[in-house]
Amino acid sequence: MTAVLCWIGVAALVRRLHADASTFNRAKSVAIVGLTVGVLLWH
């Protein structure tokens, strides 16, 4: 789940790399969820 969510998050961020800041910030949510799952798993 950590890996899949992080890769989906990377793809979302790459697609919005040249978008405005608010659009780019909204695209971070999946990556943040994936990283949070990783923190919970390993901690």
Full PDB file with SEQRES, HELIX, SHEET, SSBOND, CRYST1, ORIGX, SCALE, CONECT and MASTER records, all heavy atoms in Angstrom:
SEQRES   1 A   43  MET THR ALA VAL LEU CYS TRP ILE GLY VAL ALA ALA LEU          
SEQRES   2 A   43  VAL ARG ARG LEU HIS ALA ASP ALA SER THR PHE ASN ARG          
SEQRES   3 A   43  ALA LYS SER VAL ALA ILE VAL GLY LEU THR VAL GLY VAL          
SEQRES   4 A   43  LEU LEU TRP HIS                                              
HELIX    1 AA1 THR A    2  ARG A   15  1                                  14    
HELIX    2 AA2 ALA A   21  ARG A   26  1                                   6    
HELIX    3 AA3 SER A   29  TRP A   42  1                                  14    
CRYST1    1.000    1.000    1.000  90.00  90.00  90.00 P 1           1          
ORIGX1      1.000000  0.000000  0.000000        0.00000                         
ORIGX2      0.000000  1.000000  0.000000        0.00000                         
ORIGX3      0.000000  0.000000  1.000000        0.00000                         
SCALE1      1.000000  0.000000  0.000000        0.00000                         
SCALE2      0.000000  1.000000  0.000000        0.00000                         
SCALE3      0.000000  0.000000  1.000000        0.00000                         
ATOM      1  N   MET A   1       0.832  -1.197   0.000  1.00  0.00           N  
ATOM      2  CA  MET A   1       0.000   0.000   0.000  1.00  0.00           C  
ATOM      3  C   MET A   1       0.873   1.255   0.000  1.00  0.00           C  
ATOM      4  O   MET A   1       0.596   2.220  -0.713  1.00  0.00           O  
ATOM      5  CB  MET A   1      -0.925   0.004   1.221  1.00  0.00           C  
ATOM      6  CG  MET A   1      -1.901   1.162   1.210  1.00  0.00           C  
ATOM      7  SD  MET A   1      -2.956   1.288   2.679  1.00  0.00           S  
ATOM      8  CE  MET A   1      -3.324  -0.380   3.096  1.00  0.00           C  
ATOM      9  N   THR A   2       1.936   1.238   0.802  1.00  0.00           N  
ATOM     10  CA  THR A   2       2.859   2.373   0.836  1.00  0.00           C  
ATOM     11  C   THR A   2       3.449   2.615  -0.545  1.00  0.00           C  
ATOM     12  O   THR A   2       3.449   3.748  -1.042  1.00  0.00           O  
ATOM     13  CB  THR A   2       3.995   2.111   1.855  1.00  0.00           C  
ATOM     14  OG1 THR A   2       3.422   1.945   3.152  1.00  0.00           O  
ATOM     15  CG2 THR A   2       4.996   3.246   1.867  1.00  0.00           C  
ATOM     16  N   ALA A   3       3.934   1.558  -1.172  1.00  0.00           N  
ATOM     17  CA  ALA A   3       4.556   1.695  -2.486  1.00  0.00           C  
ATOM     18  C   ALA A   3       3.570   2.183  -3.542  1.00  0.00           C  
ATOM     19  O   ALA A   3       3.864   3.119  -4.300  1.00  0.00           O  
ATOM     20  CB  ALA A   3       5.166   0.359  -2.914  1.00  0.00           C  
ATOM     21  N   VAL A   4       2.404   1.574  -3.594  1.00  0.00           N  
ATOM     22  CA  VAL A   4       1.412   1.946  -4.607  1.00  0.00           C  
ATOM     23  C   VAL A   4       0.963   3.392  -4.430  1.00  0.00           C  
ATOM     24  O   VAL A   4       0.917   4.167  -5.395  1.00  0.00           O  
ATOM     25  CB  VAL A   4       0.207   0.974  -4.573  1.00  0.00           C  
ATOM     26  CG1 VAL A   4      -0.958   1.497  -5.387  1.00  0.00           C  
ATOM     27  CG2 VAL A   4       0.630  -0.407  -5.067  1.00  0.00           C  
ATOM     28  N   LEU A   5       0.657   3.779  -3.196  1.00  0.00           N  
ATOM     29  CA  LEU A   5       0.213   5.152  -2.953  1.00  0.00           C  
ATOM     30  C   LEU A   5       1.320   6.162  -3.271  1.00  0.00           C  
ATOM     31  O   LEU A   5       1.044   7.232  -3.833  1.00  0.00           O  
ATOM     32  CB  LEU A   5      -0.267   5.321  -1.517  1.00  0.00           C  
ATOM     33  CG  LEU A   5      -1.591   4.635  -1.179  1.00  0.00           C  
ATOM     34  CD1 LEU A   5      -1.847   4.675   0.323  1.00  0.00           C  
ATOM     35  CD2 LEU A   5      -2.738   5.277  -1.936  1.00  0.00           C  
ATOM     36  N   CYS A   6       2.544   5.835  -2.921  1.00  0.00           N  
ATOM     37  CA  CYS A   6       3.649   6.752  -3.234  1.00  0.00           C  
ATOM     38  C   CYS A   6       3.859   6.877  -4.741  1.00  0.00           C  
ATOM     39  O   CYS A   6       4.084   7.982  -5.246  1.00  0.00           O  
ATOM     40  CB  CYS A   6       4.929   6.303  -2.535  1.00  0.00           C  
ATOM     41  SG  CYS A   6       4.922   6.649  -0.755  1.00  0.00           S  
ATOM     42  N   TRP A   7       3.786   5.774  -5.475  1.00  0.00           N  
ATOM     43  CA  TRP A   7       3.939   5.852  -6.936  1.00  0.00           C  
ATOM     44  C   TRP A   7       2.784   6.617  -7.581  1.00  0.00           C  
ATOM     45  O   TRP A   7       2.996   7.398  -8.509  1.00  0.00           O  
ATOM     46  CB  TRP A   7       4.081   4.457  -7.550  1.00  0.00           C  
ATOM     47  CG  TRP A   7       5.485   3.940  -7.415  1.00  0.00           C  
ATOM     48  CD1 TRP A   7       5.902   2.894  -6.646  1.00  0.00           C  
ATOM     49  CD2 TRP A   7       6.654   4.464  -8.038  1.00  0.00           C  
ATOM     50  NE1 TRP A   7       7.249   2.734  -6.756  1.00  0.00           N  
ATOM     51  CE2 TRP A   7       7.744   3.677  -7.614  1.00  0.00           C  
ATOM     52  CE3 TRP A   7       6.892   5.513  -8.920  1.00  0.00           C  
ATOM     53  CZ2 TRP A   7       9.053   3.920  -8.034  1.00  0.00           C  
ATOM     54  CZ3 TRP A   7       8.200   5.752  -9.335  1.00  0.00           C  
ATOM     55  CH2 TRP A   7       9.259   4.963  -8.900  1.00  0.00           C  
ATOM     56  N   ILE A   8       1.577   6.404  -7.099  1.00  0.00           N  
ATOM     57  CA  ILE A   8       0.434   7.180  -7.610  1.00  0.00           C  
ATOM     58  C   ILE A   8       0.645   8.656  -7.287  1.00  0.00           C  
ATOM     59  O   ILE A   8       0.382   9.534  -8.120  1.00  0.00           O  
ATOM     60  CB  ILE A   8      -0.893   6.659  -7.024  1.00  0.00           C  
ATOM     61  CG1 ILE A   8      -1.210   5.269  -7.582  1.00  0.00           C  
ATOM     62  CG2 ILE A   8      -2.041   7.617  -7.325  1.00  0.00           C  
ATOM     63  CD1 ILE A   8      -2.369   4.570  -6.892  1.00  0.00           C  
ATOM     64  N   GLY A   9       1.132   8.943  -6.089  1.00  0.00           N  
ATOM     65  CA  GLY A   9       1.425  10.316  -5.704  1.00  0.00           C  
ATOM     66  C   GLY A   9       2.489  10.951  -6.573  1.00  0.00           C  
ATOM     67  O   GLY A   9       2.376  12.114  -6.981  1.00  0.00           O  
ATOM     68  N   VAL A  10       3.535  10.195  -6.890  1.00  0.00           N  
ATOM     69  CA  VAL A  10       4.582  10.701  -7.785  1.00  0.00           C  
ATOM     70  C   VAL A  10       3.997  11.024  -9.148  1.00  0.00           C  
ATOM     71  O   VAL A  10       4.259  12.089  -9.716  1.00  0.00           O  
ATOM     72  CB  VAL A  10       5.737   9.682  -7.914  1.00  0.00           C  
ATOM     73  CG1 VAL A  10       6.648  10.020  -9.088  1.00  0.00           C  
ATOM     74  CG2 VAL A  10       6.538   9.623  -6.632  1.00  0.00           C  
ATOM     75  N   ALA A  11       3.187  10.117  -9.679  1.00  0.00           N  
ATOM     76  CA  ALA A  11       2.582  10.349 -10.998  1.00  0.00           C  
ATOM     77  C   ALA A  11       1.694  11.590 -10.976  1.00  0.00           C  
ATOM     78  O   ALA A  11       1.720  12.397 -11.909  1.00  0.00           O  
ATOM     79  CB  ALA A  11       1.777   9.119 -11.428  1.00  0.00           C  
ATOM     80  N   ALA A  12       0.924  11.763  -9.899  1.00  0.00           N  
ATOM     81  CA  ALA A  12       0.048  12.939  -9.789  1.00  0.00           C  
ATOM     82  C   ALA A  12       0.865  14.218  -9.736  1.00  0.00           C  
ATOM     83  O   ALA A  12       0.504  15.229 -10.360  1.00  0.00           O  
ATOM     84  CB  ALA A  12      -0.843  12.816  -8.550  1.00  0.00           C  
ATOM     85  N   LEU A  13       1.966  14.189  -9.017  1.00  0.00           N  
ATOM     86  CA  LEU A  13       2.805  15.386  -8.918  1.00  0.00           C  
ATOM     87  C   LEU A  13       3.528  15.687 -10.229  1.00  0.00           C  
ATOM     88  O   LEU A  13       3.641  16.849 -10.621  1.00  0.00           O  
ATOM     89  CB  LEU A  13       3.804  15.235  -7.770  1.00  0.00           C  
ATOM     90  CG  LEU A  13       3.186  15.260  -6.377  1.00  0.00           C  
ATOM     91  CD1 LEU A  13       4.207  14.879  -5.318  1.00  0.00           C  
ATOM     92  CD2 LEU A  13       2.595  16.622  -6.082  1.00  0.00           C  
ATOM     93  N   VAL A  14       3.987  14.659 -10.902  1.00  0.00           N  
ATOM     94  CA  VAL A  14       4.662  14.875 -12.193  1.00  0.00           C  
ATOM     95  C   VAL A  14       3.691  15.460 -13.216  1.00  0.00           C  
ATOM     96  O   VAL A  14       4.050  16.363 -13.978  1.00  0.00           O  
ATOM     97  CB  VAL A  14       5.306  13.562 -12.705  1.00  0.00           C  
ATOM     98  CG1 VAL A  14       5.745  13.671 -14.149  1.00  0.00           C  
ATOM     99  CG2 VAL A  14       6.483  13.178 -11.818  1.00  0.00           C  
ATOM    100  N   ARG A  15       2.447  14.959 -13.210  1.00  0.00           N  
ATOM    101  CA  ARG A  15       1.444  15.498 -14.143  1.00  0.00           C  
ATOM    102  C   ARG A  15       1.150  16.970 -13.881  1.00  0.00           C  
ATOM    103  O   ARG A  15       0.783  17.695 -14.792  1.00  0.00           O  
ATOM    104  CB  ARG A  15       0.140  14.698 -14.049  1.00  0.00           C  
ATOM    105  CG  ARG A  15       0.166  13.394 -14.807  1.00  0.00           C  
ATOM    106  CD  ARG A  15      -1.224  12.799 -14.967  1.00  0.00           C  
ATOM    107  NE  ARG A  15      -2.000  12.710 -13.748  1.00  0.00           N  
ATOM    108  CZ  ARG A  15      -1.995  11.679 -12.903  1.00  0.00           C  
ATOM    109  NH1 ARG A  15      -1.234  10.649 -13.142  1.00  0.00           N  
ATOM    110  NH2 ARG A  15      -2.747  11.692 -11.827  1.00  0.00           N  
ATOM    111  N   ARG A  16       1.312  17.408 -12.657  1.00  0.00           N  
ATOM    112  CA  ARG A  16       0.995  18.802 -12.300  1.00  0.00           C  
ATOM    113  C   ARG A  16       2.248  19.628 -12.016  1.00  0.00           C  
ATOM    114  O   ARG A  16       2.194  20.657 -11.364  1.00  0.00           O  
ATOM    115  CB  ARG A  16       0.073  18.815 -11.090  1.00  0.00           C  
ATOM    116  CG  ARG A  16      -1.315  18.281 -11.449  1.00  0.00           C  
ATOM    117  CD  ARG A  16      -2.083  17.894 -10.218  1.00  0.00           C  
ATOM    118  NE  ARG A  16      -3.371  17.308 -10.541  1.00  0.00           N  
ATOM    119  CZ  ARG A  16      -3.560  16.009 -10.779  1.00  0.00           C  
ATOM    120  NH1 ARG A  16      -2.550  15.166 -10.749  1.00  0.00           N  
ATOM    121  NH2 ARG A  16      -4.766  15.546 -11.040  1.00  0.00           N  
ATOM    122  N   LEU A  17       3.366  19.183 -12.526  1.00  0.00           N  
ATOM    123  CA  LEU A  17       4.645  19.836 -12.264  1.00  0.00           C  
ATOM    124  C   LEU A  17       4.659  21.298 -12.713  1.00  0.00           C  
ATOM    125  O   LEU A  17       5.247  22.150 -12.064  1.00  0.00           O  
ATOM    126  CB  LEU A  17       5.766  19.055 -12.951  1.00  0.00           C  
ATOM    127  CG  LEU A  17       7.182  19.339 -12.496  1.00  0.00           C  
ATOM    128  CD1 LEU A  17       7.329  19.135 -11.003  1.00  0.00           C  
ATOM    129  CD2 LEU A  17       8.150  18.439 -13.238  1.00  0.00           C  
ATOM    130  N   HIS A  18       3.996  21.591 -13.807  1.00  0.00           N  
ATOM    131  CA  HIS A  18       3.995  22.960 -14.334  1.00  0.00           C  
ATOM    132  C   HIS A  18       2.678  23.686 -14.055  1.00  0.00           C  
ATOM    133  O   HIS A  18       2.434  24.746 -14.627  1.00  0.00           O  
ATOM    134  CB  HIS A  18       4.302  22.944 -15.827  1.00  0.00           C  
ATOM    135  CG  HIS A  18       5.661  22.387 -16.123  1.00  0.00           C  
ATOM    136  ND1 HIS A  18       6.822  23.048 -15.792  1.00  0.00           N  
ATOM    137  CD2 HIS A  18       6.039  21.211 -16.672  1.00  0.00           C  
ATOM    138  CE1 HIS A  18       7.857  22.308 -16.140  1.00  0.00           C  
ATOM    139  NE2 HIS A  18       7.418  21.181 -16.676  1.00  0.00           N  
ATOM    140  N   ALA A  19       1.870  23.149 -13.166  1.00  0.00           N  
ATOM    141  CA  ALA A  19       0.593  23.786 -12.803  1.00  0.00           C  
ATOM    142  C   ALA A  19       0.848  24.875 -11.759  1.00  0.00           C  
ATOM    143  O   ALA A  19       1.961  25.007 -11.240  1.00  0.00           O  
ATOM    144  CB  ALA A  19      -0.376  22.744 -12.254  1.00  0.00           C  
ATOM    145  N   ASP A  20      -0.186  25.612 -11.444  1.00  0.00           N  
ATOM    146  CA  ASP A  20      -0.048  26.626 -10.403  1.00  0.00           C  
ATOM    147  C   ASP A  20       0.136  25.938  -9.042  1.00  0.00           C  
ATOM    148  O   ASP A  20      -0.127  24.750  -8.883  1.00  0.00           O  
ATOM    149  CB  ASP A  20      -1.274  27.560 -10.390  1.00  0.00           C  
ATOM    150  CG  ASP A  20      -2.552  26.809 -10.117  1.00  0.00           C  
ATOM    151  OD1 ASP A  20      -3.089  26.185 -11.066  1.00  0.00           O  
ATOM    152  OD2 ASP A  20      -3.007  26.829  -8.958  1.00  0.00           O  
ATOM    153  N   ALA A  21       0.606  26.712  -8.063  1.00  0.00           N  
ATOM    154  CA  ALA A  21       0.973  26.157  -6.757  1.00  0.00           C  
ATOM    155  C   ALA A  21      -0.197  25.485  -6.046  1.00  0.00           C  
ATOM    156  O   ALA A  21      -0.038  24.427  -5.446  1.00  0.00           O  
ATOM    157  CB  ALA A  21       1.567  27.251  -5.874  1.00  0.00           C  
ATOM    158  N   SER A  22      -1.390  26.080  -6.122  1.00  0.00           N  
ATOM    159  CA  SER A  22      -2.522  25.478  -5.403  1.00  0.00           C  
ATOM    160  C   SER A  22      -2.908  24.128  -6.014  1.00  0.00           C  
ATOM    161  O   SER A  22      -3.239  23.191  -5.288  1.00  0.00           O  
ATOM    162  CB  SER A  22      -3.717  26.429  -5.373  1.00  0.00           C  
ATOM    163  OG  SER A  22      -4.191  26.673  -6.676  1.00  0.00           O  
ATOM    164  N   THR A  23      -2.860  24.019  -7.333  1.00  0.00           N  
ATOM    165  CA  THR A  23      -3.143  22.736  -7.995  1.00  0.00           C  
ATOM    166  C   THR A  23      -2.085  21.707  -7.631  1.00  0.00           C  
ATOM    167  O   THR A  23      -2.401  20.546  -7.335  1.00  0.00           O  
ATOM    168  CB  THR A  23      -3.200  22.920  -9.526  1.00  0.00           C  
ATOM    169  OG1 THR A  23      -4.187  23.909  -9.830  1.00  0.00           O  
ATOM    170  CG2 THR A  23      -3.524  21.621 -10.235  1.00  0.00           C  
ATOM    171  N   PHE A  24      -0.829  22.112  -7.636  1.00  0.00           N  
ATOM    172  CA  PHE A  24       0.264  21.209  -7.273  1.00  0.00           C  
ATOM    173  C   PHE A  24       0.123  20.755  -5.819  1.00  0.00           C  
ATOM    174  O   PHE A  24       0.298  19.573  -5.516  1.00  0.00           O  
ATOM    175  CB  PHE A  24       1.613  21.906  -7.496  1.00  0.00           C  
ATOM    176  CG  PHE A  24       2.788  20.997  -7.319  1.00  0.00           C  
ATOM    177  CD1 PHE A  24       3.125  20.070  -8.283  1.00  0.00           C  
ATOM    178  CD2 PHE A  24       3.564  21.074  -6.172  1.00  0.00           C  
ATOM    179  CE1 PHE A  24       4.218  19.230  -8.121  1.00  0.00           C  
ATOM    180  CE2 PHE A  24       4.658  20.236  -5.993  1.00  0.00           C  
ATOM    181  CZ  PHE A  24       4.982  19.314  -6.973  1.00  0.00           C  
ATOM    182  N   ASN A  25      -0.216  21.682  -4.920  1.00  0.00           N  
ATOM    183  CA  ASN A  25      -0.386  21.328  -3.508  1.00  0.00           C  
ATOM    184  C   ASN A  25      -1.509  20.321  -3.309  1.00  0.00           C  
ATOM    185  O   ASN A  25      -1.393  19.406  -2.496  1.00  0.00           O  
ATOM    186  CB  ASN A  25      -0.638  22.573  -2.660  1.00  0.00           C  
ATOM    187  CG  ASN A  25       0.608  23.391  -2.445  1.00  0.00           C  
ATOM    188  OD1 ASN A  25       1.701  22.848  -2.355  1.00  0.00           O  
ATOM    189  ND2 ASN A  25       0.456  24.696  -2.362  1.00  0.00           N  
ATOM    190  N   ARG A  26      -2.608  20.471  -4.043  1.00  0.00           N  
ATOM    191  CA  ARG A  26      -3.723  19.512  -3.923  1.00  0.00           C  
ATOM    192  C   ARG A  26      -3.318  18.130  -4.420  1.00  0.00           C  
ATOM    193  O   ARG A  26      -3.829  17.121  -3.935  1.00  0.00           O  
ATOM    194  CB  ARG A  26      -4.941  20.021  -4.684  1.00  0.00           C  
ATOM    195  CG  ARG A  26      -5.692  21.121  -3.960  1.00  0.00           C  
ATOM    196  CD  ARG A  26      -7.047  21.404  -4.590  1.00  0.00           C  
ATOM    197  NE  ARG A  26      -6.973  21.736  -6.006  1.00  0.00           N  
ATOM    198  CZ  ARG A  26      -6.773  22.961  -6.505  1.00  0.00           C  
ATOM    199  NH1 ARG A  26      -6.607  23.973  -5.684  1.00  0.00           N  
ATOM    200  NH2 ARG A  26      -6.735  23.172  -7.809  1.00  0.00           N  
ATOM    201  N   ALA A  27      -2.388  18.068  -5.356  1.00  0.00           N  
ATOM    202  CA  ALA A  27      -1.951  16.783  -5.899  1.00  0.00           C  
ATOM    203  C   ALA A  27      -1.056  16.011  -4.933  1.00  0.00           C  
ATOM    204  O   ALA A  27      -0.772  14.834  -5.159  1.00  0.00           O  
ATOM    205  CB  ALA A  27      -1.211  17.007  -7.222  1.00  0.00           C  
ATOM    206  N   LYS A  28      -0.637  16.635  -3.865  1.00  0.00           N  
ATOM    207  CA  LYS A  28       0.253  15.989  -2.901  1.00  0.00           C  
ATOM    208  C   LYS A  28      -0.455  14.993  -1.990  1.00  0.00           C  
ATOM    209  O   LYS A  28       0.196  14.196  -1.323  1.00  0.00           O  
ATOM    210  CB  LYS A  28       0.929  17.046  -2.025  1.00  0.00           C  
ATOM    211  CG  LYS A  28       1.894  17.943  -2.753  1.00  0.00           C  
ATOM    212  CD  LYS A  28       2.469  18.957  -1.784  1.00  0.00           C  
ATOM    213  CE  LYS A  28       3.505  19.815  -2.444  1.00  0.00           C  
ATOM    214  NZ  LYS A  28       4.140  20.733  -1.470  1.00  0.00           N  
ATOM    215  N   SER A  29      -1.770  15.025  -1.943  1.00  0.00           N  
ATOM    216  CA  SER A  29      -2.501  14.265  -0.920  1.00  0.00           C  
ATOM    217  C   SER A  29      -2.251  12.764  -0.975  1.00  0.00           C  
ATOM    218  O   SER A  29      -2.083  12.124   0.062  1.00  0.00           O  
ATOM    219  CB  SER A  29      -3.994  14.565  -0.994  1.00  0.00           C  
ATOM    220  OG  SER A  29      -4.495  14.218  -2.259  1.00  0.00           O  
ATOM    221  N   VAL A  30      -2.205  12.182  -2.159  1.00  0.00           N  
ATOM    222  CA  VAL A  30      -1.993  10.727  -2.246  1.00  0.00           C  
ATOM    223  C   VAL A  30      -0.586  10.362  -1.783  1.00  0.00           C  
ATOM    224  O   VAL A  30      -0.400   9.384  -1.051  1.00  0.00           O  
ATOM    225  CB  VAL A  30      -2.254  10.210  -3.685  1.00  0.00           C  
ATOM    226  CG1 VAL A  30      -1.954   8.735  -3.796  1.00  0.00           C  
ATOM    227  CG2 VAL A  30      -3.688  10.482  -4.089  1.00  0.00           C  
ATOM    228  N   ALA A  31       0.403  11.159  -2.177  1.00  0.00           N  
ATOM    229  CA  ALA A  31       1.770  10.904  -1.730  1.00  0.00           C  
ATOM    230  C   ALA A  31       1.874  11.031  -0.206  1.00  0.00           C  
ATOM    231  O   ALA A  31       2.544  10.219   0.447  1.00  0.00           O  
ATOM    232  CB  ALA A  31       2.740  11.865  -2.410  1.00  0.00           C  
ATOM    233  N   ILE A  32       1.200  12.011   0.355  1.00  0.00           N  
ATOM    234  CA  ILE A  32       1.221  12.206   1.809  1.00  0.00           C  
ATOM    235  C   ILE A  32       0.578  11.017   2.519  1.00  0.00           C  
ATOM    236  O   ILE A  32       1.095  10.535   3.535  1.00  0.00           O  
ATOM    237  CB  ILE A  32       0.549  13.544   2.188  1.00  0.00           C  
ATOM    238  CG1 ILE A  32       1.451  14.699   1.744  1.00  0.00           C  
ATOM    239  CG2 ILE A  32       0.237  13.615   3.670  1.00  0.00           C  
ATOM    240  CD1 ILE A  32       0.832  16.067   1.875  1.00  0.00           C  
ATOM    241  N   VAL A  33      -0.516  10.512   1.975  1.00  0.00           N  
ATOM    242  CA  VAL A  33      -1.160   9.335   2.574  1.00  0.00           C  
ATOM    243  C   VAL A  33      -0.218   8.130   2.492  1.00  0.00           C  
ATOM    244  O   VAL A  33      -0.051   7.390   3.468  1.00  0.00           O  
ATOM    245  CB  VAL A  33      -2.517   9.033   1.898  1.00  0.00           C  
ATOM    246  CG1 VAL A  33      -3.070   7.692   2.351  1.00  0.00           C  
ATOM    247  CG2 VAL A  33      -3.516  10.137   2.191  1.00  0.00           C  
ATOM    248  N   GLY A  34       0.411   7.921   1.347  1.00  0.00           N  
ATOM    249  CA  GLY A  34       1.340   6.798   1.189  1.00  0.00           C  
ATOM    250  C   GLY A  34       2.503   6.872   2.157  1.00  0.00           C  
ATOM    251  O   GLY A  34       2.878   5.874   2.788  1.00  0.00           O  
ATOM    252  N   LEU A  35       3.090   8.058   2.298  1.00  0.00           N  
ATOM    253  CA  LEU A  35       4.201   8.224   3.228  1.00  0.00           C  
ATOM    254  C   LEU A  35       3.748   8.052   4.677  1.00  0.00           C  
ATOM    255  O   LEU A  35       4.478   7.492   5.501  1.00  0.00           O  
ATOM    256  CB  LEU A  35       4.847   9.598   3.021  1.00  0.00           C  
ATOM    257  CG  LEU A  35       5.580   9.748   1.691  1.00  0.00           C  
ATOM    258  CD1 LEU A  35       5.819  11.215   1.375  1.00  0.00           C  
ATOM    259  CD2 LEU A  35       6.878   8.959   1.702  1.00  0.00           C  
ATOM    260  N   THR A  36       2.546   8.484   4.985  1.00  0.00           N  
ATOM    261  CA  THR A  36       2.008   8.309   6.336  1.00  0.00           C  
ATOM    262  C   THR A  36       1.797   6.827   6.646  1.00  0.00           C  
ATOM    263  O   THR A  36       2.099   6.373   7.758  1.00  0.00           O  
ATOM    264  CB  THR A  36       0.696   9.101   6.498  1.00  0.00           C  
ATOM    265  OG1 THR A  36       0.956  10.483   6.224  1.00  0.00           O  
ATOM    266  CG2 THR A  36       0.129   8.957   7.900  1.00  0.00           C  
ATOM    267  N   VAL A  37       1.298   6.076   5.683  1.00  0.00           N  
ATOM    268  CA  VAL A  37       1.155   4.622   5.871  1.00  0.00           C  
ATOM    269  C   VAL A  37       2.526   4.000   6.141  1.00  0.00           C  
ATOM    270  O   VAL A  37       2.680   3.153   7.020  1.00  0.00           O  
ATOM    271  CB  VAL A  37       0.463   3.968   4.653  1.00  0.00           C  
ATOM    272  CG1 VAL A  37       0.520   2.443   4.742  1.00  0.00           C  
ATOM    273  CG2 VAL A  37      -0.973   4.437   4.540  1.00  0.00           C  
ATOM    274  N   GLY A  38       3.543   4.458   5.400  1.00  0.00           N  
ATOM    275  CA  GLY A  38       4.899   3.962   5.631  1.00  0.00           C  
ATOM    276  C   GLY A  38       5.406   4.290   7.018  1.00  0.00           C  
ATOM    277  O   GLY A  38       5.998   3.441   7.693  1.00  0.00           O  
ATOM    278  N   VAL A  39       5.178   5.511   7.483  1.00  0.00           N  
ATOM    279  CA  VAL A  39       5.591   5.901   8.832  1.00  0.00           C  
ATOM    280  C   VAL A  39       4.895   5.021   9.860  1.00  0.00           C  
ATOM    281  O   VAL A  39       5.532   4.515  10.791  1.00  0.00           O  
ATOM    282  CB  VAL A  39       5.291   7.400   9.091  1.00  0.00           C  
ATOM    283  CG1 VAL A  39       5.408   7.738  10.568  1.00  0.00           C  
ATOM    284  CG2 VAL A  39       6.220   8.278   8.266  1.00  0.00           C  
ATOM    285  N   LEU A  40       3.596   4.822   9.693  1.00  0.00           N  
ATOM    286  CA  LEU A  40       2.863   3.977  10.643  1.00  0.00           C  
ATOM    287  C   LEU A  40       3.367   2.544  10.622  1.00  0.00           C  
ATOM    288  O   LEU A  40       3.536   1.916  11.672  1.00  0.00           O  
ATOM    289  CB  LEU A  40       1.365   4.022  10.348  1.00  0.00           C  
ATOM    290  CG  LEU A  40       0.686   5.357  10.628  1.00  0.00           C  
ATOM    291  CD1 LEU A  40      -0.758   5.330  10.118  1.00  0.00           C  
ATOM    292  CD2 LEU A  40       0.727   5.682  12.104  1.00  0.00           C  
ATOM    293  N   LEU A  41       3.610   2.017   9.433  1.00  0.00           N  
ATOM    294  CA  LEU A  41       4.082   0.632   9.320  1.00  0.00           C  
ATOM    295  C   LEU A  41       5.430   0.456  10.005  1.00  0.00           C  
ATOM    296  O   LEU A  41       5.602  -0.428  10.841  1.00  0.00           O  
ATOM    297  CB  LEU A  41       4.173   0.222   7.848  1.00  0.00           C  
ATOM    298  CG  LEU A  41       4.806  -1.142   7.587  1.00  0.00           C  
ATOM    299  CD1 LEU A  41       3.915  -2.254   8.139  1.00  0.00           C  
ATOM    300  CD2 LEU A  41       5.053  -1.339   6.113  1.00  0.00           C  
ATOM    301  N   TRP A  42       6.399   1.301   9.656  1.00  0.00           N  
ATOM    302  CA  TRP A  42       7.755   1.084  10.177  1.00  0.00           C  
ATOM    303  C   TRP A  42       7.923   1.583  11.599  1.00  0.00           C  
ATOM    304  O   TRP A  42       8.740   1.033  12.339  1.00  0.00           O  
ATOM    305  CB  TRP A  42       8.789   1.673   9.232  1.00  0.00           C  
ATOM    306  CG  TRP A  42       8.985   0.761   8.069  1.00  0.00           C  
ATOM    307  CD1 TRP A  42       9.541  -0.488   8.101  1.00  0.00           C  
ATOM    308  CD2 TRP A  42       8.577   0.970   6.727  1.00  0.00           C  
ATOM    309  NE1 TRP A  42       9.501  -1.057   6.854  1.00  0.00           N  
ATOM    310  CE2 TRP A  42       8.920  -0.168   5.983  1.00  0.00           C  
ATOM    311  CE3 TRP A  42       7.960   2.018   6.057  1.00  0.00           C  
ATOM    312  CZ2 TRP A  42       8.674  -0.294   4.636  1.00  0.00           C  
ATOM    313  CZ3 TRP A  42       7.718   1.887   4.708  1.00  0.00           C  
ATOM    314  CH2 TRP A  42       8.077   0.740   4.008  1.00  0.00           C  
ATOM    315  N   HIS A  43       7.146   2.573  12.011  1.00  0.00           N  
ATOM    316  CA  HIS A  43       7.273   3.004  13.404  1.00  0.00           C  
ATOM    317  C   HIS A  43       6.427   2.113  14.316  1.00  0.00           C  
ATOM    318  O   HIS A  43       6.952   1.480  15.228  1.00  0.00           O  
ATOM    319  CB  HIS A  43       6.875   4.469  13.577  1.00  0.00           C  
ATOM    320  CG  HIS A  43       6.981   4.924  14.985  1.00  0.00           C  
ATOM    321  ND1 HIS A  43       8.179   5.032  15.638  1.00  0.00           N  
ATOM    322  CD2 HIS A  43       6.036   5.255  15.898  1.00  0.00           C  
ATOM    323  CE1 HIS A  43       7.966   5.424  16.882  1.00  0.00           C  
ATOM    324  NE2 HIS A  43       6.663   5.562  17.064  1.00  0.00           N  
TER     325      HIS A  43                                                      
MASTER        0    0    0    3    0    0    0    6  324    1    0    4          
END                                                                             
